[in-house]
Every structure is written in C-alpha cells, then in structure tokens.
PDB file of N, CA and C in Angstrom:
ATOM      1  N   UNK A   1     -19.374 -29.640 -59.000  1.00  0.00           N
ATOM      2  CA  UNK A   1     -20.209 -29.888 -57.825  1.00  0.00           C
ATOM      3  C   UNK A   1     -19.211 -29.322 -56.743  1.00  0.00           C
ATOM      4  N   UNK A   2     -19.205 -28.828 -56.062  1.00  0.00           N
ATOM      5  CA  UNK A   2     -18.438 -28.352 -55.064  1.00  0.00           C
ATOM      6  C   UNK A   2     -18.732 -28.367 -53.538  1.00  0.00           C
ATOM      7  N   UNK A   3     -17.911 -28.904 -52.918  1.00  0.00           N
ATOM      8  CA  UNK A   3     -18.391 -29.185 -51.022  1.00  0.00           C
ATOM      9  C   UNK A   3     -17.520 -28.401 -50.325  1.00  0.00           C
ATOM     10  N   UNK A   4     -18.132 -27.803 -49.522  1.00  0.00           N
ATOM     11  CA  UNK A   4     -17.221 -26.842 -48.377  1.00  0.00           C
ATOM     12  C   UNK A   4     -17.640 -27.237 -47.094  1.00  0.00           C
ATOM     13  N   UNK A   5     -16.531 -27.136 -45.963  1.00  0.00           N
ATOM     14  CA  UNK A   5     -17.019 -27.401 -44.514  1.00  0.00           C
ATOM     15  C   UNK A   5     -17.818 -26.285 -43.810  1.00  0.00           C
ATOM     16  N   UNK A   6     -18.787 -26.079 -43.441  1.00  0.00           N
ATOM     17  CA  UNK A   6     -19.163 -24.721 -42.651  1.00  0.00           C
ATOM     18  C   UNK A   6     -19.217 -25.175 -41.028  1.00  0.00           C
ATOM     19  N   UNK A   7     -18.674 -24.346 -40.219  1.00  0.00           N
ATOM     20  CA  UNK A   7     -18.633 -24.257 -38.669  1.00  0.00           C
ATOM     21  C   UNK A   7     -19.788 -24.453 -38.436  1.00  0.00           C
ATOM     22  N   UNK A   8     -20.156 -25.361 -37.387  1.00  0.00           N
ATOM     23  CA  UNK A   8     -21.505 -25.449 -36.798  1.00  0.00           C
ATOM     24  C   UNK A   8     -21.312 -25.136 -35.151  1.00  0.00           C
ATOM     25  N   UNK A   9     -21.233 -26.125 -34.283  1.00  0.00           N
ATOM     26  CA  UNK A   9     -21.119 -25.825 -32.902  1.00  0.00           C
ATOM     27  C   UNK A   9     -19.744 -26.715 -32.621  1.00  0.00           C
ATOM     28  N   UNK A  10     -18.754 -25.805 -31.988  1.00  0.00           N
ATOM     29  CA  UNK A  10     -17.423 -26.479 -31.544  1.00  0.00           C
ATOM     30  C   UNK A  10     -17.100 -27.262 -32.806  1.00  0.00           C
ATOM     31  N   UNK A  11     -16.435 -28.507 -32.564  1.00  0.00           N
ATOM     32  CA  UNK A  11     -15.845 -29.279 -33.783  1.00  0.00           C
ATOM     33  C   UNK A  11     -16.621 -29.872 -34.705  1.00  0.00           C
ATOM     34  N   UNK A  12     -18.044 -29.699 -34.570  1.00  0.00           N
ATOM     35  CA  UNK A  12     -19.176 -30.345 -35.402  1.00  0.00           C
ATOM     36  C   UNK A  12     -18.881 -29.616 -37.093  1.00  0.00           C
ATOM     37  N   UNK A  13     -19.056 -30.236 -37.812  1.00  0.00           N
ATOM     38  CA  UNK A  13     -18.999 -29.746 -39.265  1.00  0.00           C
ATOM     39  C   UNK A  13     -20.306 -30.307 -40.111  1.00  0.00           C
ATOM     40  N   UNK A  14     -20.510 -29.574 -40.911  1.00  0.00           N
ATOM     41  CA  UNK A  14     -21.623 -29.875 -41.871  1.00  0.00           C
ATOM     42  C   UNK A  14     -21.029 -29.409 -43.253  1.00  0.00           C
ATOM     43  N   UNK A  15     -21.361 -30.433 -44.230  1.00  0.00           N
ATOM     44  CA  UNK A  15     -21.133 -29.683 -45.519  1.00  0.00           C
ATOM     45  C   UNK A  15     -22.263 -29.501 -46.745  1.00  0.00           C
ATOM     46  N   UNK A  16     -22.224 -28.488 -47.089  1.00  0.00           N
ATOM     47  CA  UNK A  16     -23.004 -27.799 -48.129  1.00  0.00           C
ATOM     48  C   UNK A  16     -22.571 -28.066 -49.195  1.00  0.00           C
ATOM     49  N   UNK A  17     -23.530 -28.952 -50.316  1.00  0.00           N
ATOM     50  CA  UNK A  17     -22.913 -29.069 -51.880  1.00  0.00           C
ATOM     51  C   UNK A  17     -23.518 -28.392 -52.640  1.00  0.00           C
ATOM     52  N   UNK A  18     -22.920 -27.556 -53.537  1.00  0.00           N
ATOM     53  CA  UNK A  18     -23.306 -26.921 -54.536  1.00  0.00           C
ATOM     54  C   UNK A  18     -23.166 -27.443 -55.826  1.00  0.00           C
ATOM     55  N   UNK A  19     -24.162 -27.336 -56.320  1.00  0.00           N
ATOM     56  CA  UNK A  19     -24.516 -27.952 -57.682  1.00  0.00           C
ATOM     57  C   UNK A  19     -24.321 -26.974 -58.958  1.00  0.00           C
ATOM     58  N   UNK A  20     -23.896 -27.048 -59.639  1.00  0.00           N
ATOM     59  CA  UNK A  20     -23.906 -26.167 -60.948  1.00  0.00           C
ATOM     60  C   UNK A  20     -24.993 -26.310 -61.973  1.00  0.00           C
ATOM     61  N   UNK A  21     -26.154 -26.849 -61.668  1.00  0.00           N
ATOM     62  CA  UNK A  21     -27.410 -27.106 -62.543  1.00  0.00           C
ATOM     63  C   UNK A  21     -28.246 -25.783 -62.718  1.00  0.00           C
ATOM     64  N   UNK A  22     -28.586 -25.546 -63.764  1.00  0.00           N
ATOM     65  CA  UNK A  22     -29.654 -24.464 -64.293  1.00  0.00           C
ATOM     66  C   UNK A  22     -30.810 -24.543 -63.203  1.00  0.00           C
ATOM     67  N   UNK A  23     -31.388 -23.659 -62.861  1.00  0.00           N
ATOM     68  CA  UNK A  23     -32.599 -23.544 -61.973  1.00  0.00           C
ATOM     69  C   UNK A  23     -33.677 -24.560 -62.851  1.00  0.00           C
ATOM     70  N   UNK A  24     -33.930 -24.601 -64.039  1.00  0.00           N
ATOM     71  CA  UNK A  24     -34.949 -24.996 -64.330  1.00  0.00           C
ATOM     72  C   UNK A  24     -35.069 -26.721 -64.372  1.00  0.00           C
ATOM     73  N   UNK A  25     -33.688 -27.044 -64.294  1.00  0.00           N
ATOM     74  CA  UNK A  25     -33.470 -28.394 -64.399  1.00  0.00           C
ATOM     75  C   UNK A  25     -33.432 -29.036 -62.942  1.00  0.00           C
ATOM     76  N   UNK A  26     -33.787 -28.261 -61.960  1.00  0.00           N
ATOM     77  CA  UNK A  26     -33.454 -28.609 -60.568  1.00  0.00           C
ATOM     78  C   UNK A  26     -34.978 -29.244 -60.022  1.00  0.00           C
ATOM     79  N   UNK A  27     -35.351 -30.125 -59.652  1.00  0.00           N
ATOM     80  CA  UNK A  27     -36.570 -31.062 -59.483  1.00  0.00           C
ATOM     81  C   UNK A  27     -37.072 -30.296 -57.997  1.00  0.00           C
ATOM     82  N   UNK A  28     -38.206 -29.988 -57.707  1.00  0.00           N
ATOM     83  CA  UNK A  28     -38.957 -28.972 -56.658  1.00  0.00           C
ATOM     84  C   UNK A  28     -40.051 -29.777 -56.255  1.00  0.00           C
ATOM     85  N   UNK A  29     -40.376 -29.706 -54.791  1.00  0.00           N
ATOM     86  CA  UNK A  29     -41.778 -30.206 -54.479  1.00  0.00           C
ATOM     87  C   UNK A  29     -42.831 -29.544 -55.084  1.00  0.00           C
ATOM     88  N   UNK A  30     -43.920 -30.452 -55.627  1.00  0.00           N
ATOM     89  CA  UNK A  30     -44.800 -30.081 -56.360  1.00  0.00           C
ATOM     90  C   UNK A  30     -45.232 -29.841 -57.527  1.00  0.00           C
ATOM     91  N   UNK A  31     -43.764 -30.314 -58.321  1.00  0.00           N
ATOM     92  CA  UNK A  31     -44.131 -30.321 -59.822  1.00  0.00           C
ATOM     93  C   UNK A  31     -44.775 -31.642 -60.177  1.00  0.00           C
ATOM     94  N   UNK A  32     -45.414 -31.228 -61.214  1.00  0.00           N
ATOM     95  CA  UNK A  32     -46.226 -32.482 -61.867  1.00  0.00           C
ATOM     96  C   UNK A  32     -45.804 -32.688 -63.225  1.00  0.00           C
ATOM     97  N   UNK A  33     -46.169 -33.726 -63.445  1.00  0.00           N
ATOM     98  CA  UNK A  33     -45.951 -34.241 -64.767  1.00  0.00           C
ATOM     99  C   UNK A  33     -47.152 -35.221 -65.403  1.00  0.00           C
ATOM    100  N   UNK A  34     -47.125 -35.243 -66.900  1.00  0.00           N
ATOM    101  CA  UNK A  34     -48.366 -36.044 -67.310  1.00  0.00           C
ATOM    102  C   UNK A  34     -48.037 -37.440 -67.491  1.00  0.00           C
ATOM    103  N   UNK A  35     -46.810 -37.942 -67.433  1.00  0.00           N
ATOM    104  CA  UNK A  35     -46.485 -39.310 -67.597  1.00  0.00           C
ATOM    105  C   UNK A  35     -45.459 -39.713 -66.650  1.00  0.00           C
ATOM    106  N   UNK A  36     -45.340 -41.259 -66.032  1.00  0.00           N
ATOM    107  CA  UNK A  36     -44.220 -41.469 -65.463  1.00  0.00           C
ATOM    108  C   UNK A  36     -43.082 -41.505 -66.219  1.00  0.00           C
ATOM    109  N   UNK A  37     -42.909 -41.499 -67.695  1.00  0.00           N
ATOM    110  CA  UNK A  37     -41.707 -41.488 -68.698  1.00  0.00           C
ATOM    111  C   UNK A  37     -41.268 -40.147 -68.193  1.00  0.00           C
ATOM    112  N   UNK A  38     -42.327 -39.319 -68.420  1.00  0.00           N
ATOM    113  CA  UNK A  38     -41.698 -37.649 -68.457  1.00  0.00           C
ATOM    114  C   UNK A  38     -41.034 -37.324 -67.056  1.00  0.00           C
ATOM    115  N   UNK A  39     -41.248 -38.200 -66.183  1.00  0.00           N
ATOM    116  CA  UNK A  39     -40.710 -37.912 -64.884  1.00  0.00           C
ATOM    117  C   UNK A  39     -39.369 -38.348 -64.923  1.00  0.00           C
ATOM    118  N   UNK A  40     -39.302 -39.593 -65.461  1.00  0.00           N
ATOM    119  CA  UNK A  40     -37.911 -40.329 -65.662  1.00  0.00           C
ATOM    120  C   UNK A  40     -36.866 -39.568 -66.499  1.00  0.00           C
ATOM    121  N   UNK A  41     -37.425 -38.886 -67.749  1.00  0.00           N
ATOM    122  CA  UNK A  41     -36.600 -38.320 -68.385  1.00  0.00           C
ATOM    123  C   UNK A  41     -36.140 -36.906 -67.764  1.00  0.00           C
ATOM    124  N   UNK A  42     -36.892 -36.010 -67.301  1.00  0.00           N
ATOM    125  CA  UNK A  42     -36.631 -35.047 -66.303  1.00  0.00           C
ATOM    126  C   UNK A  42     -35.451 -35.357 -65.441  1.00  0.00           C
ATOM    127  N   UNK A  43     -35.925 -36.234 -64.421  1.00  0.00           N
ATOM    128  CA  UNK A  43     -34.981 -36.746 -63.611  1.00  0.00           C
ATOM    129  C   UNK A  43     -33.414 -37.132 -64.122  1.00  0.00           C
ATOM    130  N   UNK A  44     -33.586 -37.896 -65.173  1.00  0.00           N
ATOM    131  CA  UNK A  44     -32.528 -38.580 -65.890  1.00  0.00           C
ATOM    132  C   UNK A  44     -31.568 -37.399 -66.664  1.00  0.00           C
ATOM    133  N   UNK A  45     -32.227 -36.419 -66.855  1.00  0.00           N
ATOM    134  CA  UNK A  45     -31.709 -35.270 -67.293  1.00  0.00           C
ATOM    135  C   UNK A  45     -30.848 -34.378 -66.266  1.00  0.00           C
ATOM    136  N   UNK A  46     -31.835 -34.241 -64.998  1.00  0.00           N
ATOM    137  CA  UNK A  46     -31.141 -33.538 -63.895  1.00  0.00           C
ATOM    138  C   UNK A  46     -30.052 -34.367 -63.464  1.00  0.00           C
ATOM    139  N   UNK A  47     -30.199 -35.687 -63.291  1.00  0.00           N
ATOM    140  CA  UNK A  47     -28.930 -36.404 -62.554  1.00  0.00           C
ATOM    141  C   UNK A  47     -27.736 -36.147 -63.970  1.00  0.00           C
ATOM    142  N   UNK A  48     -27.842 -36.184 -64.933  1.00  0.00           N
ATOM    143  CA  UNK A  48     -26.954 -35.840 -65.829  1.00  0.00           C
ATOM    144  C   UNK A  48     -25.915 -34.367 -65.643  1.00  0.00           C
ATOM    145  N   UNK A  49     -26.754 -33.575 -65.473  1.00  0.00           N
ATOM    146  CA  UNK A  49     -26.023 -32.217 -65.445  1.00  0.00           C
ATOM    147  C   UNK A  49     -25.679 -32.042 -63.917  1.00  0.00           C
ATOM    148  N   UNK A  50     -26.028 -32.631 -62.862  1.00  0.00           N
ATOM    149  CA  UNK A  50     -25.839 -32.778 -61.575  1.00  0.00           C
ATOM    150  C   UNK A  50     -24.286 -33.682 -61.516  1.00  0.00           C
ATOM    151  N   UNK A  51     -24.194 -34.695 -62.358  1.00  0.00           N
ATOM    152  CA  UNK A  51     -22.932 -35.315 -62.114  1.00  0.00           C
ATOM    153  C   UNK A  51     -23.391 -36.749 -61.744  1.00  0.00           C
ATOM    154  N   UNK A  52     -24.518 -37.279 -61.497  1.00  0.00           N
ATOM    155  CA  UNK A  52     -24.565 -38.554 -61.034  1.00  0.00           C
ATOM    156  C   UNK A  52     -25.604 -39.728 -62.281  1.00  0.00           C
ATOM    157  N   UNK A  53     -25.784 -40.425 -61.796  1.00  0.00           N
ATOM    158  CA  UNK A  53     -26.419 -41.390 -62.373  1.00  0.00           C
ATOM    159  C   UNK A  53     -27.826 -41.930 -61.626  1.00  0.00           C
ATOM    160  N   UNK A  54     -28.679 -42.327 -62.611  1.00  0.00           N
ATOM    161  CA  UNK A  54     -29.802 -43.185 -61.814  1.00  0.00           C
ATOM    162  C   UNK A  54     -30.112 -44.549 -62.430  1.00  0.00           C
ATOM    163  N   UNK A  55     -30.731 -45.368 -61.729  1.00  0.00           N
ATOM    164  CA  UNK A  55     -31.083 -46.748 -62.115  1.00  0.00           C
ATOM    165  C   UNK A  55     -32.420 -46.896 -61.385  1.00  0.00           C
ATOM    166  N   UNK A  56     -33.491 -47.823 -62.132  1.00  0.00           N
ATOM    167  CA  UNK A  56     -34.470 -48.201 -61.855  1.00  0.00           C
ATOM    168  C   UNK A  56     -34.473 -49.773 -61.523  1.00  0.00           C
ATOM    169  N   UNK A  57     -35.087 -50.145 -60.211  1.00  0.00           N
ATOM    170  CA  UNK A  57     -34.867 -51.706 -60.075  1.00  0.00           C
ATOM    171  C   UNK A  57     -36.006 -51.989 -59.639  1.00  0.00           C
ATOM    172  N   UNK A  58     -36.493 -53.121 -60.048  1.00  0.00           N
ATOM    173  CA  UNK A  58     -37.890 -53.687 -60.017  1.00  0.00           C
ATOM    174  C   UNK A  58     -37.188 -55.197 -59.187  1.00  0.00           C
ATOM    175  N   UNK A  59     -38.472 -55.384 -58.380  1.00  0.00           N
ATOM    176  CA  UNK A  59     -38.050 -56.510 -57.395  1.00  0.00           C
ATOM    177  C   UNK A  59     -39.660 -57.572 -57.531  1.00  0.00           C
ATOM    178  N   UNK A  60     -39.288 -58.803 -57.989  1.00  0.00           N
ATOM    179  CA  UNK A  60     -40.528 -59.398 -58.161  1.00  0.00           C
ATOM    180  C   UNK A  60     -40.665 -60.206 -56.651  1.00  0.00           C
ATOM    181  N   UNK A  61     -41.771 -60.285 -56.114  1.00  0.00           N
ATOM    182  CA  UNK A  61     -42.304 -61.097 -55.040  1.00  0.00           C
ATOM    183  C   UNK A  61     -43.266 -62.319 -55.123  1.00  0.00           C
ATOM    184  N   UNK A  62     -43.129 -63.117 -54.560  1.00  0.00           N
ATOM    185  CA  UNK A  62     -43.939 -64.205 -54.416  1.00  0.00           C
ATOM    186  C   UNK A  62     -45.233 -63.817 -53.701  1.00  0.00           C
ATOM    187  N   UNK A  63     -46.816 -63.986 -54.637  1.00  0.00           N
ATOM    188  CA  UNK A  63     -47.640 -63.605 -54.055  1.00  0.00           C
ATOM    189  C   UNK A  63     -48.210 -64.218 -52.532  1.00  0.00           C
ATOM    190  N   UNK A  64     -47.911 -65.370 -52.573  1.00  0.00           N
ATOM    191  CA  UNK A  64     -48.081 -65.751 -51.324  1.00  0.00           C
ATOM    192  C   UNK A  64     -46.950 -65.505 -50.098  1.00  0.00           C
ATOM    193  N   UNK A  65     -46.051 -65.717 -50.261  1.00  0.00           N
ATOM    194  CA  UNK A  65     -45.021 -65.587 -49.259  1.00  0.00           C
ATOM    195  C   UNK A  65     -44.498 -64.233 -48.969  1.00  0.00           C
ATOM    196  N   UNK A  66     -44.487 -63.463 -50.331  1.00  0.00           N
ATOM    197  CA  UNK A  66     -44.181 -61.984 -50.475  1.00  0.00           C
ATOM    198  C   UNK A  66     -42.366 -62.065 -50.372  1.00  0.00           C
ATOM    199  N   UNK A  67     -41.880 -62.899 -50.319  1.00  0.00           N
ATOM    200  CA  UNK A  67     -40.362 -63.256 -50.813  1.00  0.00           C
ATOM    201  C   UNK A  67     -39.935 -62.956 -52.110  1.00  0.00           C
ATOM    202  N   UNK A  68     -38.825 -62.337 -52.112  1.00  0.00           N
ATOM    203  CA  UNK A  68     -38.319 -61.931 -53.172  1.00  0.00           C
ATOM    204  C   UNK A  68     -37.826 -63.259 -53.964  1.00  0.00           C
ATOM    205  N   UNK A  69     -38.050 -62.871 -55.428  1.00  0.00           N
ATOM    206  CA  UNK A  69     -38.054 -64.075 -56.510  1.00  0.00           C
ATOM    207  C   UNK A  69     -37.007 -63.691 -57.425  1.00  0.00           C
ATOM    208  N   UNK A  70     -35.872 -64.214 -57.599  1.00  0.00           N
ATOM    209  CA  UNK A  70     -35.257 -63.648 -58.515  1.00  0.00           C
ATOM    210  C   UNK A  70     -34.806 -64.824 -59.791  1.00  0.00           C
TER     211      UNK A  70
END
C-alpha cells in the first residue's frame, strides 16, 4: 500500500491510498453473497491482501435498560 500527497487548494493536501489488491478481491457496492459467513470470508481475504485485519465485536444489552452488559 502506498500513499502520496496530492495538491488541493493552497496549502491543503489530500492523501490517495493505492492498494495492490487484485480487482476480483476488492469489495464493491452491489455485491451479493449467499450467507453472512461467505461475506466474512470474502472481507477477511480482502483485508489480508490489503494489509489490515478485521474483528467482529458483539455487544450484549439489557432488554429493559438497553445498557451494555459485560
């Protein structure tokens, strides 16, 4: 993954991140999957190839108060 500044207006800069992941592994709007597990596997593989990791977090809440329970 590479990043480089691109000139915007005056002193402002934006950074464009280029990822060396094959097109078939990049998530796109409108993709469909048969199961939630299939989505997880696809995104986990994309993350691995792009150089980051993923984590799924579950939060339990009290039905009456809606407060988090740990």
